Amino acid sequence: MARAAHRADPALAPALAELSVVPEGKRVSELERLRTRTTRTKPENLMWMPWA
């Protein structure tokens, strides 16, 4: 992936590498946070239950 990113744009590979670093005090990298959807749900959204 690094070679493909470098061929696309030389600045892309270092930017992707930086996104994969887990900051101190955090549990996941910024790349993982962007990749996964949020699991937090607001209480007002819990009122709608299609199976109920």
N, C-alpha and C. Protein backbone atom coordinates (compact mmCIF):
# COMPACT_ATOMS: atom_id res chain seq x y z
N MET A 1 0.82 -1.18 0.00
CA MET A 1 0.00 0.00 0.00
C MET A 1 0.87 1.26 0.00
N ALA A 2 1.99 1.21 0.68
CA ALA A 2 2.86 2.39 0.76
C ALA A 2 3.39 2.78 -0.61
N ARG A 3 3.77 1.77 -1.43
CA ARG A 3 4.27 2.09 -2.77
C ARG A 3 3.17 2.70 -3.63
N ALA A 4 1.97 2.15 -3.54
CA ALA A 4 0.85 2.70 -4.32
C ALA A 4 0.52 4.12 -3.87
N ALA A 5 0.54 4.36 -2.59
CA ALA A 5 0.26 5.70 -2.07
C ALA A 5 1.34 6.68 -2.52
N HIS A 6 2.59 6.23 -2.50
CA HIS A 6 3.68 7.11 -2.91
C HIS A 6 3.59 7.42 -4.40
N ARG A 7 3.19 6.43 -5.21
CA ARG A 7 3.04 6.68 -6.64
C ARG A 7 1.89 7.64 -6.91
N ALA A 8 0.83 7.56 -6.14
CA ALA A 8 -0.33 8.44 -6.33
C ALA A 8 0.03 9.88 -5.95
N ASP A 9 0.66 10.04 -4.81
CA ASP A 9 1.05 11.36 -4.32
C ASP A 9 2.13 11.14 -3.26
N PRO A 10 3.31 11.69 -3.45
CA PRO A 10 4.39 11.47 -2.48
C PRO A 10 4.04 11.88 -1.05
N ALA A 11 3.13 12.81 -0.86
CA ALA A 11 2.75 13.25 0.49
C ALA A 11 1.73 12.32 1.13
N LEU A 12 1.14 11.42 0.35
CA LEU A 12 0.08 10.56 0.87
C LEU A 12 0.60 9.49 1.81
N ALA A 13 1.71 8.85 1.49
CA ALA A 13 2.25 7.78 2.34
C ALA A 13 2.56 8.26 3.75
N PRO A 14 3.27 9.38 3.93
CA PRO A 14 3.52 9.84 5.31
C PRO A 14 2.23 10.24 6.04
N ALA A 15 1.27 10.78 5.30
CA ALA A 15 0.00 11.18 5.93
C ALA A 15 -0.75 9.94 6.42
N LEU A 16 -0.75 8.87 5.63
CA LEU A 16 -1.40 7.62 6.05
C LEU A 16 -0.68 7.01 7.25
N ALA A 17 0.64 7.06 7.24
CA ALA A 17 1.42 6.53 8.36
C ALA A 17 1.11 7.30 9.64
N GLU A 18 0.97 8.61 9.52
CA GLU A 18 0.65 9.43 10.69
C GLU A 18 -0.73 9.11 11.25
N LEU A 19 -1.68 8.80 10.36
CA LEU A 19 -3.03 8.45 10.80
C LEU A 19 -3.07 7.13 11.55
N SER A 20 -2.10 6.26 11.31
CA SER A 20 -2.12 4.94 11.95
C SER A 20 -1.51 4.93 13.34
N VAL A 21 -0.95 6.05 13.78
CA VAL A 21 -0.35 6.15 15.11
C VAL A 21 -1.45 6.35 16.15
N VAL A 22 -1.36 5.58 17.23
CA VAL A 22 -2.31 5.73 18.34
C VAL A 22 -1.76 6.78 19.29
N PRO A 23 -2.45 7.93 19.41
CA PRO A 23 -1.96 8.99 20.31
C PRO A 23 -1.96 8.54 21.77
N GLU A 24 -1.07 9.12 22.55
CA GLU A 24 -1.01 8.80 23.97
C GLU A 24 -2.33 9.17 24.63
N GLY A 25 -2.86 8.26 25.43
CA GLY A 25 -4.12 8.49 26.12
C GLY A 25 -5.34 8.07 25.31
N LYS A 26 -5.14 7.65 24.07
CA LYS A 26 -6.24 7.20 23.23
C LYS A 26 -6.19 5.69 23.09
N ARG A 27 -7.29 5.08 22.69
CA ARG A 27 -7.35 3.63 22.55
C ARG A 27 -7.17 3.17 21.10
N VAL A 28 -7.51 4.03 20.15
CA VAL A 28 -7.40 3.66 18.73
C VAL A 28 -6.77 4.80 17.94
N SER A 29 -6.27 4.46 16.77
CA SER A 29 -5.68 5.47 15.90
C SER A 29 -6.79 6.28 15.23
N GLU A 30 -6.39 7.40 14.66
CA GLU A 30 -7.34 8.24 13.93
C GLU A 30 -7.86 7.48 12.70
N LEU A 31 -6.99 6.69 12.09
CA LEU A 31 -7.40 5.90 10.93
C LEU A 31 -8.50 4.90 11.31
N GLU A 32 -8.34 4.24 12.44
CA GLU A 32 -9.36 3.29 12.91
C GLU A 32 -10.66 4.02 13.26
N ARG A 33 -10.54 5.19 13.86
CA ARG A 33 -11.74 5.96 14.20
C ARG A 33 -12.50 6.37 12.94
N LEU A 34 -11.76 6.75 11.91
CA LEU A 34 -12.41 7.12 10.65
C LEU A 34 -13.00 5.91 9.92
N ARG A 35 -12.35 4.75 10.09
CA ARG A 35 -12.78 3.53 9.38
C ARG A 35 -14.06 2.94 9.97
N THR A 36 -14.20 3.02 11.26
CA THR A 36 -15.35 2.40 11.92
C THR A 36 -16.43 3.43 12.19
N ARG A 37 -17.65 2.97 12.22
CA ARG A 37 -18.75 3.88 12.52
C ARG A 37 -18.90 4.00 14.03
N THR A 38 -19.54 5.04 14.43
CA THR A 38 -19.73 5.26 15.86
C THR A 38 -20.74 4.27 16.42
N THR A 39 -20.56 3.88 17.66
CA THR A 39 -21.50 2.97 18.31
C THR A 39 -22.29 3.70 19.40
N ARG A 40 -21.99 4.97 19.58
CA ARG A 40 -22.72 5.73 20.59
C ARG A 40 -24.10 6.07 20.06
N THR A 41 -25.10 5.90 20.89
CA THR A 41 -26.46 6.19 20.49
C THR A 41 -27.07 7.19 21.46
N LYS A 42 -27.72 8.18 20.91
CA LYS A 42 -28.41 9.15 21.75
C LYS A 42 -29.66 8.50 22.33
N PRO A 43 -30.04 8.84 23.56
CA PRO A 43 -31.23 8.26 24.17
C PRO A 43 -32.50 8.48 23.34
N GLU A 44 -32.61 9.64 22.69
CA GLU A 44 -33.82 9.90 21.90
C GLU A 44 -33.93 8.98 20.69
N ASN A 45 -32.81 8.43 20.23
CA ASN A 45 -32.85 7.50 19.10
C ASN A 45 -33.25 6.10 19.53
N LEU A 46 -33.23 5.81 20.81
CA LEU A 46 -33.59 4.49 21.30
C LEU A 46 -35.10 4.28 21.32
N MET A 47 -35.86 5.32 21.16
CA MET A 47 -37.32 5.21 21.19
C MET A 47 -37.86 4.48 19.97
N TRP A 48 -37.15 4.57 18.85
CA TRP A 48 -37.62 3.91 17.63
C TRP A 48 -37.04 2.51 17.56
N MET A 49 -37.92 1.51 17.66
CA MET A 49 -37.48 0.12 17.58
C MET A 49 -38.35 -0.59 16.56
N PRO A 50 -37.81 -0.92 15.38
CA PRO A 50 -38.62 -1.53 14.33
C PRO A 50 -39.17 -2.89 14.71
N TRP A 51 -38.56 -3.58 15.65
CA TRP A 51 -39.02 -4.91 16.03
C TRP A 51 -40.08 -4.88 17.13
N ALA A 52 -40.32 -3.72 17.71
CA ALA A 52 -41.29 -3.63 18.81
C ALA A 52 -42.71 -3.44 18.30
